[in-house]
Amino acid sequence: MNLSARLEGEDGAALVELIGLDRFVVADKRPGRLTLTAKGPLDGELAIDGQLAAGALGISTSGTMRLAGRPSPSAALSLKVANANLRSPRAGGGRASGRAAARIRERAAHIDRRHPAASPT
């Protein structure tokens, strides 16, 4: 599989909302762009690369994902966040009004243990 997607708009905040990050970050209502590429077999390891630029906000990720097959579903991704205004979590739900500036660089790996790999017979 070879998937490439690009979405651009005049309102970067709308792109942030579209992918569900508006609960965590505040984006400017300036032009924005979202790109995603995934390459590899669906039953194997997919190479993932994605970027979101919305005003000054920049988020990028790259790494690999395994959606099906053996071993169980997993992901190893590198995430970079630059010039982010984070929303302050508050009790009571709803959108929080507090903001904090942040720059984040993180590596994460996840293995879904709910789907145990088949044992040899």
PDB file of N, CA and C in Angstrom:
ATOM      1  N   MET A   1       0.842  -1.162   0.000  1.00  0.00           N
ATOM      2  CA  MET A   1       0.000   0.000   0.000  1.00  0.00           C
ATOM      3  C   MET A   1       0.890   1.229   0.000  1.00  0.00           C
ATOM      4  N   ASN A   2       0.458   2.239  -0.728  1.00  0.00           N
ATOM      5  CA  ASN A   2       1.155   3.515  -0.760  1.00  0.00           C
ATOM      6  C   ASN A   2       0.087   4.604  -0.703  1.00  0.00           C
ATOM      7  N   LEU A   3      -0.063   5.244   0.458  1.00  0.00           N
ATOM      8  CA  LEU A   3      -1.097   6.247   0.669  1.00  0.00           C
ATOM      9  C   LEU A   3      -0.455   7.598   0.911  1.00  0.00           C
ATOM     10  N   SER A   4      -0.911   8.609   0.194  1.00  0.00           N
ATOM     11  CA  SER A   4      -0.473   9.984   0.415  1.00  0.00           C
ATOM     12  C   SER A   4      -1.714  10.859   0.454  1.00  0.00           C
ATOM     13  N   ALA A   5      -1.791  11.721   1.470  1.00  0.00           N
ATOM     14  CA  ALA A   5      -2.931  12.620   1.599  1.00  0.00           C
ATOM     15  C   ALA A   5      -2.438  14.009   1.973  1.00  0.00           C
ATOM     16  N   ARG A   6      -3.101  15.021   1.428  1.00  0.00           N
ATOM     17  CA  ARG A   6      -2.753  16.410   1.736  1.00  0.00           C
ATOM     18  C   ARG A   6      -4.045  17.206   1.812  1.00  0.00           C
ATOM     19  N   LEU A   7      -4.197  17.942   2.888  1.00  0.00           N
ATOM     20  CA  LEU A   7      -5.386  18.759   3.096  1.00  0.00           C
ATOM     21  C   LEU A   7      -4.924  20.153   3.490  1.00  0.00           C
ATOM     22  N   GLU A   8      -5.395  21.165   2.765  1.00  0.00           N
ATOM     23  CA  GLU A   8      -5.025  22.547   3.054  1.00  0.00           C
ATOM     24  C   GLU A   8      -6.284  23.370   3.251  1.00  0.00           C
ATOM     25  N   GLY A   9      -6.163  24.415   4.071  1.00  0.00           N
ATOM     26  CA  GLY A   9      -7.302  25.285   4.292  1.00  0.00           C
ATOM     27  C   GLY A   9      -6.875  26.662   4.765  1.00  0.00           C
ATOM     28  N   GLU A  10      -7.775  27.599   4.644  1.00  0.00           N
ATOM     29  CA  GLU A  10      -7.506  28.969   5.076  1.00  0.00           C
ATOM     30  C   GLU A  10      -7.573  29.129   6.591  1.00  0.00           C
ATOM     31  N   ASP A  11      -8.174  28.152   7.280  1.00  0.00           N
ATOM     32  CA  ASP A  11      -8.331  28.204   8.737  1.00  0.00           C
ATOM     33  C   ASP A  11      -7.654  26.980   9.362  1.00  0.00           C
ATOM     34  N   GLY A  12      -6.416  27.173   9.832  1.00  0.00           N
ATOM     35  CA  GLY A  12      -5.673  26.085  10.455  1.00  0.00           C
ATOM     36  C   GLY A  12      -6.351  25.541  11.695  1.00  0.00           C
ATOM     37  N   ALA A  13      -7.087  26.389  12.417  1.00  0.00           N
ATOM     38  CA  ALA A  13      -7.808  25.931  13.604  1.00  0.00           C
ATOM     39  C   ALA A  13      -8.853  24.886  13.233  1.00  0.00           C
ATOM     40  N   ALA A  14      -9.451  25.000  12.055  1.00  0.00           N
ATOM     41  CA  ALA A  14     -10.439  24.018  11.601  1.00  0.00           C
ATOM     42  C   ALA A  14      -9.764  22.664  11.333  1.00  0.00           C
ATOM     43  N   LEU A  15      -8.537  22.668  10.816  1.00  0.00           N
ATOM     44  CA  LEU A  15      -7.811  21.417  10.607  1.00  0.00           C
ATOM     45  C   LEU A  15      -7.481  20.747  11.941  1.00  0.00           C
ATOM     46  N   VAL A  16      -7.085  21.555  12.920  1.00  0.00           N
ATOM     47  CA  VAL A  16      -6.781  21.021  14.254  1.00  0.00           C
ATOM     48  C   VAL A  16      -8.041  20.394  14.851  1.00  0.00           C
ATOM     49  N   GLU A  17      -9.170  21.041  14.674  1.00  0.00           N
ATOM     50  CA  GLU A  17     -10.438  20.506  15.169  1.00  0.00           C
ATOM     51  C   GLU A  17     -10.830  19.229  14.418  1.00  0.00           C
ATOM     52  N   LEU A  18     -10.594  19.195  13.108  1.00  0.00           N
ATOM     53  CA  LEU A  18     -10.941  18.041  12.285  1.00  0.00           C
ATOM     54  C   LEU A  18     -10.265  16.764  12.781  1.00  0.00           C
ATOM     55  N   ILE A  19      -9.027  16.855  13.224  1.00  0.00           N
ATOM     56  CA  ILE A  19      -8.319  15.654  13.685  1.00  0.00           C
ATOM     57  C   ILE A  19      -8.400  15.474  15.204  1.00  0.00           C
ATOM     58  N   GLY A  20      -9.204  16.317  15.869  1.00  0.00           N
ATOM     59  CA  GLY A  20      -9.486  16.117  17.290  1.00  0.00           C
ATOM     60  C   GLY A  20      -8.441  16.639  18.261  1.00  0.00           C
ATOM     61  N   LEU A  21      -7.524  17.472  17.795  1.00  0.00           N
ATOM     62  CA  LEU A  21      -6.501  18.006  18.693  1.00  0.00           C
ATOM     63  C   LEU A  21      -6.908  19.313  19.360  1.00  0.00           C
ATOM     64  N   ASP A  22      -8.073  19.851  19.004  1.00  0.00           N
ATOM     65  CA  ASP A  22      -8.517  21.133  19.565  1.00  0.00           C
ATOM     66  C   ASP A  22      -8.753  21.057  21.074  1.00  0.00           C
ATOM     67  N   ARG A  23      -8.906  19.868  21.628  1.00  0.00           N
ATOM     68  CA  ARG A  23      -9.044  19.713  23.088  1.00  0.00           C
ATOM     69  C   ARG A  23      -7.719  19.953  23.795  1.00  0.00           C
ATOM     70  N   PHE A  24      -6.609  19.838  23.047  1.00  0.00           N
ATOM     71  CA  PHE A  24      -5.279  19.905  23.651  1.00  0.00           C
ATOM     72  C   PHE A  24      -4.477  21.145  23.264  1.00  0.00           C
ATOM     73  N   VAL A  25      -4.636  21.627  22.028  1.00  0.00           N
ATOM     74  CA  VAL A  25      -3.864  22.776  21.558  1.00  0.00           C
ATOM     75  C   VAL A  25      -4.772  23.832  20.944  1.00  0.00           C
ATOM     76  N   VAL A  26      -4.301  25.066  20.999  1.00  0.00           N
ATOM     77  CA  VAL A  26      -5.003  26.191  20.391  1.00  0.00           C
ATOM     78  C   VAL A  26      -4.252  26.551  19.116  1.00  0.00           C
ATOM     79  N   ALA A  27      -4.956  26.674  18.009  1.00  0.00           N
ATOM     80  CA  ALA A  27      -4.331  27.033  16.738  1.00  0.00           C
ATOM     81  C   ALA A  27      -4.906  28.341  16.222  1.00  0.00           C
ATOM     82  N   ASP A  28      -4.074  29.074  15.503  1.00  0.00           N
ATOM     83  CA  ASP A  28      -4.494  30.330  14.894  1.00  0.00           C
ATOM     84  C   ASP A  28      -5.443  30.061  13.726  1.00  0.00           C
ATOM     85  N   LYS A  29      -6.261  31.042  13.435  1.00  0.00           N
ATOM     86  CA  LYS A  29      -7.161  30.948  12.282  1.00  0.00           C
ATOM     87  C   LYS A  29      -6.436  31.480  11.046  1.00  0.00           C
ATOM     88  N   ARG A  30      -5.211  30.985  10.866  1.00  0.00           N
ATOM     89  CA  ARG A  30      -4.416  31.316   9.690  1.00  0.00           C
ATOM     90  C   ARG A  30      -4.323  30.065   8.831  1.00  0.00           C
ATOM     91  N   PRO A  31      -3.832  30.168   7.603  1.00  0.00           N
ATOM     92  CA  PRO A  31      -3.771  28.996   6.723  1.00  0.00           C
ATOM     93  C   PRO A  31      -3.074  27.810   7.383  1.00  0.00           C
ATOM     94  N   GLY A  32      -3.561  26.607   7.046  1.00  0.00           N
ATOM     95  CA  GLY A  32      -3.000  25.390   7.607  1.00  0.00           C
ATOM     96  C   GLY A  32      -2.892  24.287   6.573  1.00  0.00           C
ATOM     97  N   ARG A  33      -2.058  23.279   6.906  1.00  0.00           N
ATOM     98  CA  ARG A  33      -1.832  22.162   5.992  1.00  0.00           C
ATOM     99  C   ARG A  33      -1.627  20.889   6.809  1.00  0.00           C
ATOM    100  N   LEU A  34      -2.243  19.812   6.380  1.00  0.00           N
ATOM    101  CA  LEU A  34      -2.107  18.497   6.995  1.00  0.00           C
ATOM    102  C   LEU A  34      -1.670  17.517   5.910  1.00  0.00           C
ATOM    103  N   THR A  35      -0.562  16.808   6.141  1.00  0.00           N
ATOM    104  CA  THR A  35      -0.097  15.811   5.182  1.00  0.00           C
ATOM    105  C   THR A  35       0.144  14.488   5.904  1.00  0.00           C
ATOM    106  N   LEU A  36      -0.101  13.388   5.205  1.00  0.00           N
ATOM    107  CA  LEU A  36       0.098  12.060   5.771  1.00  0.00           C
ATOM    108  C   LEU A  36       0.539  11.121   4.659  1.00  0.00           C
ATOM    109  N   THR A  37       1.554  10.315   4.952  1.00  0.00           N
ATOM    110  CA  THR A  37       1.955   9.243   4.041  1.00  0.00           C
ATOM    111  C   THR A  37       2.081   7.949   4.837  1.00  0.00           C
ATOM    112  N   ALA A  38       1.680   6.861   4.226  1.00  0.00           N
ATOM    113  CA  ALA A  38       1.809   5.531   4.815  1.00  0.00           C
ATOM    114  C   ALA A  38       2.238   4.586   3.691  1.00  0.00           C
ATOM    115  N   LYS A  39       3.310   3.848   3.932  1.00  0.00           N
ATOM    116  CA  LYS A  39       3.832   2.928   2.921  1.00  0.00           C
ATOM    117  C   LYS A  39       4.122   1.589   3.563  1.00  0.00           C
ATOM    118  N   GLY A  40       3.732   0.519   2.873  1.00  0.00           N
ATOM    119  CA  GLY A  40       4.010  -0.823   3.357  1.00  0.00           C
ATOM    120  C   GLY A  40       2.789  -1.711   3.251  1.00  0.00           C
ATOM    121  N   PRO A  41       2.946  -2.991   3.573  1.00  0.00           N
ATOM    122  CA  PRO A  41       1.817  -3.922   3.489  1.00  0.00           C
ATOM    123  C   PRO A  41       0.839  -3.726   4.644  1.00  0.00           C
ATOM    124  N   LEU A  42      -0.463  -3.832   4.376  1.00  0.00           N
ATOM    125  CA  LEU A  42      -1.471  -3.675   5.426  1.00  0.00           C
ATOM    126  C   LEU A  42      -1.342  -4.738   6.511  1.00  0.00           C
ATOM    127  N   ASP A  43      -0.855  -5.914   6.164  1.00  0.00           N
ATOM    128  CA  ASP A  43      -0.700  -6.974   7.154  1.00  0.00           C
ATOM    129  C   ASP A  43       0.726  -7.023   7.721  1.00  0.00           C
ATOM    130  N   GLY A  44       1.498  -5.955   7.510  1.00  0.00           N
ATOM    131  CA  GLY A  44       2.868  -5.884   8.004  1.00  0.00           C
ATOM    132  C   GLY A  44       3.168  -4.527   8.592  1.00  0.00           C
ATOM    133  N   GLU A  45       4.415  -4.136   8.508  1.00  0.00           N
ATOM    134  CA  GLU A  45       4.844  -2.872   9.095  1.00  0.00           C
ATOM    135  C   GLU A  45       4.663  -1.723   8.104  1.00  0.00           C
ATOM    136  N   LEU A  46       3.936  -0.696   8.541  1.00  0.00           N
ATOM    137  CA  LEU A  46       3.705   0.501   7.729  1.00  0.00           C
ATOM    138  C   LEU A  46       4.643   1.608   8.191  1.00  0.00           C
ATOM    139  N   ALA A  47       5.308   2.264   7.242  1.00  0.00           N
ATOM    140  CA  ALA A  47       6.100   3.449   7.547  1.00  0.00           C
ATOM    141  C   ALA A  47       5.152   4.645   7.502  1.00  0.00           C
ATOM    142  N   ILE A  48       5.126   5.426   8.577  1.00  0.00           N
ATOM    143  CA  ILE A  48       4.194   6.537   8.722  1.00  0.00           C
ATOM    144  C   ILE A  48       4.965   7.850   8.792  1.00  0.00           C
ATOM    145  N   ASP A  49       4.455   8.876   8.120  1.00  0.00           N
ATOM    146  CA  ASP A  49       5.021  10.219   8.204  1.00  0.00           C
ATOM    147  C   ASP A  49       3.860  11.202   8.118  1.00  0.00           C
ATOM    148  N   GLY A  50       3.771  12.129   9.052  1.00  0.00           N
ATOM    149  CA  GLY A  50       2.686  13.104   9.038  1.00  0.00           C
ATOM    150  C   GLY A  50       3.139  14.455   9.560  1.00  0.00           C
ATOM    151  N   GLN A  51       2.562  15.516   9.019  1.00  0.00           N
ATOM    152  CA  GLN A  51       2.834  16.876   9.468  1.00  0.00           C
ATOM    153  C   GLN A  51       1.545  17.684   9.516  1.00  0.00           C
ATOM    154  N   LEU A  52       1.480  18.545  10.515  1.00  0.00           N
ATOM    155  CA  LEU A  52       0.389  19.508  10.632  1.00  0.00           C
ATOM    156  C   LEU A  52       1.017  20.867  10.875  1.00  0.00           C
ATOM    157  N   ALA A  53       0.688  21.834  10.037  1.00  0.00           N
ATOM    158  CA  ALA A  53       1.119  23.213  10.229  1.00  0.00           C
ATOM    159  C   ALA A  53      -0.147  24.059  10.240  1.00  0.00           C
ATOM    160  N   ALA A  54      -0.368  24.774  11.340  1.00  0.00           N
ATOM    161  CA  ALA A  54      -1.563  25.620  11.471  1.00  0.00           C
ATOM    162  C   ALA A  54      -1.122  26.908  12.141  1.00  0.00           C
ATOM    163  N   GLY A  55      -0.945  27.973  11.338  1.00  0.00           N
ATOM    164  CA  GLY A  55      -0.387  29.197  11.881  1.00  0.00           C
ATOM    165  C   GLY A  55       1.030  28.913  12.355  1.00  0.00           C
ATOM    166  N   ALA A  56       1.351  29.277  13.595  1.00  0.00           N
ATOM    167  CA  ALA A  56       2.686  29.033  14.148  1.00  0.00           C
ATOM    168  C   ALA A  56       2.859  27.597  14.644  1.00  0.00           C
ATOM    169  N   LEU A  57       1.763  26.880  14.865  1.00  0.00           N
ATOM    170  CA  LEU A  57       1.809  25.518  15.384  1.00  0.00           C
ATOM    171  C   LEU A  57       2.411  24.562  14.355  1.00  0.00           C
ATOM    172  N   GLY A  58       3.330  23.727  14.807  1.00  0.00           N
ATOM    173  CA  GLY A  58       3.912  22.703  13.952  1.00  0.00           C
ATOM    174  C   GLY A  58       3.955  21.379  14.691  1.00  0.00           C
ATOM    175  N   ILE A  59       3.364  20.353  14.118  1.00  0.00           N
ATOM    176  CA  ILE A  59       3.379  19.018  14.707  1.00  0.00           C
ATOM    177  C   ILE A  59       3.825  18.051  13.617  1.00  0.00           C
ATOM    178  N   SER A  60       4.764  17.170  13.949  1.00  0.00           N
ATOM    179  CA  SER A  60       5.178  16.149  12.983  1.00  0.00           C
ATOM    180  C   SER A  60       5.378  14.831  13.707  1.00  0.00           C
ATOM    181  N   THR A  61       5.160  13.749  12.973  1.00  0.00           N
ATOM    182  CA  THR A  61       5.370  12.409  13.504  1.00  0.00           C
ATOM    183  C   THR A  61       5.926  11.524  12.402  1.00  0.00           C
ATOM    184  N   SER A  62       6.734  10.565  12.812  1.00  0.00           N
ATOM    185  CA  SER A  62       7.245   9.570  11.872  1.00  0.00           C
ATOM    186  C   SER A  62       7.538   8.301  12.655  1.00  0.00           C
ATOM    187  N   GLY A  63       7.522   7.199  11.954  1.00  0.00           N
ATOM    188  CA  GLY A  63       7.793   5.926  12.609  1.00  0.00           C
ATOM    189  C   GLY A  63       7.114   4.792  11.884  1.00  0.00           C
ATOM    190  N   THR A  64       6.790   3.759  12.643  1.00  0.00           N
ATOM    191  CA  THR A  64       6.173   2.575  12.050  1.00  0.00           C
ATOM    192  C   THR A  64       4.954   2.144  12.857  1.00  0.00           C
ATOM    193  N   MET A  65       4.027   1.491  12.160  1.00  0.00           N
ATOM    194  CA  MET A  65       2.829   0.934  12.785  1.00  0.00           C
ATOM    195  C   MET A  65       2.583  -0.450  12.208  1.00  0.00           C
ATOM    196  N   ARG A  66       2.072  -1.332  13.030  1.00  0.00           N
ATOM    197  CA  ARG A  66       1.633  -2.658  12.594  1.00  0.00           C
ATOM    198  C   ARG A  66       0.171  -2.769  13.014  1.00  0.00           C
ATOM    199  N   LEU A  67      -0.729  -2.797  12.035  1.00  0.00           N
ATOM    200  CA  LEU A  67      -2.160  -2.811  12.320  1.00  0.00           C
ATOM    201  C   LEU A  67      -2.725  -4.214  12.472  1.00  0.00           C
ATOM    202  N   ALA A  68      -2.140  -5.168  11.800  1.00  0.00           N
ATOM    203  CA  ALA A  68      -2.658  -6.541  11.822  1.00  0.00           C
ATOM    204  C   ALA A  68      -1.502  -7.515  11.678  1.00  0.00           C
ATOM    205  N   GLY A  69      -1.822  -8.771  11.740  1.00  0.00           N
ATOM    206  CA  GLY A  69      -0.804  -9.795  11.578  1.00  0.00           C
ATOM    207  C   GLY A  69      -0.104 -10.098  12.889  1.00  0.00           C
ATOM    208  N   ARG A  70       1.084 -10.676  12.783  1.00  0.00           N
ATOM    209  CA  ARG A  70       1.843 -11.058  13.971  1.00  0.00           C
ATOM    210  C   ARG A  70       3.111 -10.262  14.032  1.00  0.00           C
ATOM    211  N   PRO A  71       3.577  -9.854  15.163  1.00  0.00           N
ATOM    212  CA  PRO A  71       2.888  -9.926  16.448  1.00  0.00           C
ATOM    213  C   PRO A  71       1.689  -8.990  16.479  1.00  0.00           C
ATOM    214  N   SER A  72       1.111  -8.799  17.639  1.00  0.00           N
ATOM    215  CA  SER A  72      -0.113  -8.008  17.773  1.00  0.00           C
ATOM    216  C   SER A  72       0.112  -6.549  17.341  1.00  0.00           C
ATOM    217  N   PRO A  73      -0.982  -5.769  17.158  1.00  0.00           N
ATOM    218  CA  PRO A  73      -0.860  -4.381  16.726  1.00  0.00           C
ATOM    219  C   PRO A  73       0.114  -3.590  17.600  1.00  0.00           C
ATOM    220  N   SER A  74       0.930  -2.753  16.951  1.00  0.00           N
ATOM    221  CA  SER A  74       1.923  -1.983  17.681  1.00  0.00           C
ATOM    222  C   SER A  74       2.282  -0.733  16.900  1.00  0.00           C
ATOM    223  N   ALA A  75       2.961   0.190  17.578  1.00  0.00           N
ATOM    224  CA  ALA A  75       3.425   1.419  16.934  1.00  0.00           C
ATOM    225  C   ALA A  75       4.681   1.906  17.632  1.00  0.00           C
ATOM    226  N   ALA A  76       5.593   2.469  16.872  1.00  0.00           N
ATOM    227  CA  ALA A  76       6.786   3.129  17.400  1.00  0.00           C
ATOM    228  C   ALA A  76       6.900   4.437  16.640  1.00  0.00           C
ATOM    229  N   LEU A  77       6.556   5.543  17.290  1.00  0.00           N
ATOM    230  CA  LEU A  77       6.476   6.841  16.625  1.00  0.00           C
ATOM    231  C   LEU A  77       7.312   7.884  17.344  1.00  0.00           C
ATOM    232  N   SER A  78       7.829   8.802  16.574  1.00  0.00           N
ATOM    233  CA  SER A  78       8.514   9.966  17.103  1.00  0.00           C
ATOM    234  C   SER A  78       7.588  11.159  16.875  1.00  0.00           C
ATOM    235  N   LEU A  79       7.365  11.950  17.901  1.00  0.00           N
ATOM    236  CA  LEU A  79       6.446  13.087  17.827  1.00  0.00           C
ATOM    237  C   LEU A  79       7.198  14.369  18.172  1.00  0.00           C
ATOM    238  N   LYS A  80       7.029  15.392  17.335  1.00  0.00           N
ATOM    239  CA  LYS A  80       7.623  16.698  17.596  1.00  0.00           C
ATOM    240  C   LYS A  80       6.518  17.741  17.547  1.00  0.00           C
ATOM    241  N   VAL A  81       6.463  18.580  18.567  1.00  0.00           N
ATOM    242  CA  VAL A  81       5.478  19.656  18.637  1.00  0.00           C
ATOM    243  C   VAL A  81       6.240  20.951  18.858  1.00  0.00           C
ATOM    244  N   ALA A  82       6.001  21.946  18.010  1.00  0.00           N
ATOM    245  CA  ALA A  82       6.684  23.230  18.130  1.00  0.00           C
ATOM    246  C   ALA A  82       5.673  24.366  18.146  1.00  0.00           C
ATOM    247  N   ASN A  83       5.951  25.373  18.931  1.00  0.00           N
ATOM    248  CA  ASN A  83       5.123  26.583  19.016  1.00  0.00           C
ATOM    249  C   ASN A  83       3.675  26.271  19.341  1.00  0.00           C
ATOM    250  N   ALA A  84       3.466  25.383  20.307  1.00  0.00           N
ATOM    251  CA  ALA A  84       2.110  24.978  20.674  1.00  0.00           C
ATOM    252  C   ALA A  84       1.617  25.796  21.858  1.00  0.00           C
ATOM    253  N   ASN A  85       0.385  26.229  21.784  1.00  0.00           N
ATOM    254  CA  ASN A  85      -0.319  26.795  22.922  1.00  0.00           C
ATOM    255  C   ASN A  85      -1.241  25.705  23.434  1.00  0.00           C
ATOM    256  N   LEU A  86      -0.849  25.101  24.564  1.00  0.00           N
ATOM    257  CA  LEU A  86      -1.614  23.989  25.123  1.00  0.00           C
ATOM    258  C   LEU A  86      -2.806  24.499  25.910  1.00  0.00           C
ATOM    259  N   ARG A  87      -3.912  23.780  25.822  1.00  0.00           N
ATOM    260  CA  ARG A  87      -5.082  24.103  26.634  1.00  0.00           C
ATOM    261  C   ARG A  87      -4.855  23.578  28.034  1.00  0.00           C
ATOM    262  N   SER A  88      -5.264  24.337  29.011  1.00  0.00           N
ATOM    263  CA  SER A  88      -5.140  23.932  30.405  1.00  0.00           C
ATOM    264  C   SER A  88      -6.341  23.074  30.772  1.00  0.00           C
ATOM    265  N   PRO A  89      -6.095  21.834  31.235  1.00  0.00           N
ATOM    266  CA  PRO A  89      -7.231  20.986  31.627  1.00  0.00           C
ATOM    267  C   PRO A  89      -7.894  21.532  32.887  1.00  0.00           C
ATOM    268  N   ARG A  90      -9.195  21.524  32.907  1.00  0.00           N
ATOM    269  CA  ARG A  90      -9.950  22.002  34.062  1.00  0.00           C
ATOM    270  C   ARG A  90     -11.064  21.015  34.377  1.00  0.00           C
ATOM    271  N   ALA A  91     -11.370  20.895  35.651  1.00  0.00           N
ATOM    272  CA  ALA A  91     -12.474  20.019  36.070  1.00  0.00           C
ATOM    273  C   ALA A  91     -13.787  20.567  35.543  1.00  0.00           C
ATOM    274  N   GLY A  92     -14.743  19.690  35.282  1.00  0.00           N
ATOM    275  CA  GLY A  92     -16.059  20.136  34.851  1.00  0.00           C
ATOM    276  C   GLY A  92     -16.292  19.990  33.370  1.00  0.00           C
ATOM    277  N   GLY A  93     -15.270  19.555  32.617  1.00  0.00           N
ATOM    278  CA  GLY A  93     -15.452  19.334  31.185  1.00  0.00           C
ATOM    279  C   GLY A  93     -15.493  20.618  30.403  1.00  0.00           C
ATOM    280  N   GLY A  94     -15.785  20.515  29.133  1.00  0.00           N
ATOM    281  CA  GLY A  94     -15.836  21.669  28.260  1.00  0.00           C
ATOM    282  C   GLY A  94     -14.440  22.118  27.885  1.00  0.00           C
ATOM    283  N   ARG A  95     -14.385  23.122  27.042  1.00  0.00           N
ATOM    284  CA  ARG A  95     -13.103  23.643  26.610  1.00  0.00           C
ATOM    285  C   ARG A  95     -12.512  24.537  27.680  1.00  0.00           C
ATOM    286  N   ALA A  96     -11.250  24.357  27.933  1.00  0.00           N
ATOM    287  CA  ALA A  96     -10.558  25.170  28.926  1.00  0.00           C
ATOM    288  C   ALA A  96     -10.057  26.445  28.269  1.00  0.00           C
ATOM    289  N   SER A  97     -10.005  27.529  29.036  1.00  0.00           N
ATOM    290  CA  SER A  97      -9.579  28.797  28.468  1.00  0.00           C
ATOM    291  C   SER A  97      -8.115  29.099  28.737  1.00  0.00           C
ATOM    292  N   GLY A  98      -7.495  28.441  29.706  1.00  0.00           N
ATOM    293  CA  GLY A  98      -6.098  28.701  30.016  1.00  0.00           C
ATOM    294  C   GLY A  98      -5.184  28.143  28.946  1.00  0.00           C
ATOM    295  N   ARG A  99      -4.020  28.812  28.733  1.00  0.00           N
ATOM    296  CA  ARG A  99      -3.074  28.367  27.721  1.00  0.00           C
ATOM    297  C   ARG A  99      -1.671  28.345  28.306  1.00  0.00           C
ATOM    298  N   ALA A 100      -0.831  27.484  27.778  1.00  0.00           N
ATOM    299  CA  ALA A 100       0.572  27.420  28.143  1.00  0.00           C
ATOM    300  C   ALA A 100       1.359  27.105  26.883  1.00  0.00           C
ATOM    301  N   ALA A 101       2.441  27.832  26.641  1.00  0.00           N
ATOM    302  CA  ALA A 101       3.272  27.589  25.466  1.00  0.00           C
ATOM    303  C   ALA A 101       4.116  26.346  25.705  1.00  0.00           C
ATOM    304  N   ALA A 102       4.358  25.569  24.632  1.00  0.00           N
ATOM    305  CA  ALA A 102       5.134  24.339  24.795  1.00  0.00           C
ATOM    306  C   ALA A 102       5.866  23.964  23.524  1.00  0.00           C
ATOM    307  N   ARG A 103       6.962  23.261  23.725  1.00  0.00           N
ATOM    308  CA  ARG A 103       7.717  22.610  22.649  1.00  0.00           C
ATOM    309  C   ARG A 103       8.001  21.203  23.158  1.00  0.00           C
ATOM    310  N   ILE A 104       7.624  20.188  22.397  1.00  0.00           N
ATOM    311  CA  ILE A 104       7.724  18.802  22.860  1.00  0.00           C
ATOM    312  C   ILE A 104       8.435  17.963  21.806  1.00  0.00           C
ATOM    313  N   ARG A 105       9.304  17.093  22.260  1.00  0.00           N
ATOM    314  CA  ARG A 105       9.932  16.091  21.387  1.00  0.00           C
ATOM    315  C   ARG A 105       9.875  14.777  22.150  1.00  0.00           C
ATOM    316  N   GLU A 106       9.214  13.786  21.589  1.00  0.00           N
ATOM    317  CA  GLU A 106       8.973  12.549  22.327  1.00  0.00           C
ATOM    318  C   GLU A 106       9.041  11.348  21.396  1.00  0.00           C
ATOM    319  N   ARG A 107       9.511  10.241  21.925  1.00  0.00           N
ATOM    320  CA  ARG A 107       9.472   8.956  21.229  1.00  0.00           C
ATOM    321  C   ARG A 107       8.568   8.044  22.040  1.00  0.00           C
ATOM    322  N   ALA A 108       7.729   7.303  21.365  1.00  0.00           N
ATOM    323  CA  ALA A 108       6.811   6.407  22.076  1.00  0.00           C
ATOM    324  C   ALA A 108       6.679   5.100  21.314  1.00  0.00           C
ATOM    325  N   ALA A 109       6.433   4.062  22.057  1.00  0.00           N
ATOM    326  CA  ALA A 109       6.165   2.755  21.458  1.00  0.00           C
ATOM    327  C   ALA A 109       4.979   2.144  22.176  1.00  0.00           C
ATOM    328  N   HIS A 110       4.133   1.434  21.448  1.00  0.00           N
ATOM    329  CA  HIS A 110       2.951   0.816  22.029  1.00  0.00           C
ATOM    330  C   HIS A 110       2.737  -0.551  21.396  1.00  0.00           C
ATOM    331  N   ILE A 111       2.467  -1.516  22.226  1.00  0.00           N
ATOM    332  CA  ILE A 111       2.105  -2.853  21.765  1.00  0.00           C
ATOM    333  C   ILE A 111       0.772  -3.204  22.401  1.00  0.00           C
ATOM    334  N   ASP A 112      -0.186  -3.605  21.582  1.00  0.00           N
ATOM    335  CA  ASP A 112      -1.522  -3.954  22.068  1.00  0.00           C
ATOM    336  C   ASP A 112      -1.483  -5.367  22.637  1.00  0.00           C
ATOM    337  N   ARG A 113      -1.515  -5.505  23.944  1.00  0.00           N
ATOM    338  CA  ARG A 113      -1.427  -6.806  24.609  1.00  0.00           C
ATOM    339  C   ARG A 113      -2.774  -7.527  24.651  1.00  0.00           C
ATOM    340  N   ARG A 114      -3.846  -6.876  24.198  1.00  0.00           N
ATOM    341  CA  ARG A 114      -5.160  -7.522  24.182  1.00  0.00           C
ATOM    342  C   ARG A 114      -5.230  -8.605  23.130  1.00  0.00           C
ATOM    343  N   HIS A 115      -4.335  -8.577  22.152  1.00  0.00           N
ATOM    344  CA  HIS A 115      -4.335  -9.558  21.071  1.00  0.00           C
ATOM    345  C   HIS A 115      -3.039 -10.353  21.149  1.00  0.00           C
ATOM    346  N   PRO A 116      -3.001 -11.401  21.981  1.00  0.00           N
ATOM    347  CA  PRO A 116      -1.756 -12.144  22.141  1.00  0.00           C
ATOM    348  C   PRO A 116      -1.351 -12.826  20.841  1.00  0.00           C
ATOM    349  N   ALA A 117      -0.050 -12.856  20.621  1.00  0.00           N
ATOM    350  CA  ALA A 117       0.475 -13.550  19.440  1.00  0.00           C
ATOM    351  C   ALA A 117       0.196 -15.043  19.576  1.00  0.00           C
ATOM    352  N   ALA A 118      -0.031 -15.670  18.477  1.00  0.00           N
ATOM    353  CA  ALA A 118      -0.327 -17.110  18.493  1.00  0.00           C
ATOM    354  C   ALA A 118       0.897 -17.870  18.989  1.00  0.00           C
ATOM    355  N   SER A 119       0.669 -18.847  19.838  1.00  0.00           N
ATOM    356  CA  SER A 119       1.778 -19.645  20.342  1.00  0.00           C
ATOM    357  C   SER A 119       2.071 -20.769  19.367  1.00  0.00           C
ATOM    358  N   PRO A 120       3.374 -21.114  19.251  1.00  0.00           N
ATOM    359  CA  PRO A 120       3.731 -22.192  18.317  1.00  0.00           C
ATOM    360  C   PRO A 120       3.130 -23.515  18.759  1.00  0.00           C
ATOM    361  N   THR A 121       2.784 -24.364  17.814  1.00  0.00           N
ATOM    362  CA  THR A 121       2.202 -25.667  18.141  1.00  0.00           C
ATOM    363  C   THR A 121       3.176 -26.787  17.897  1.00  0.00           C
TER     364      THR A 121
END
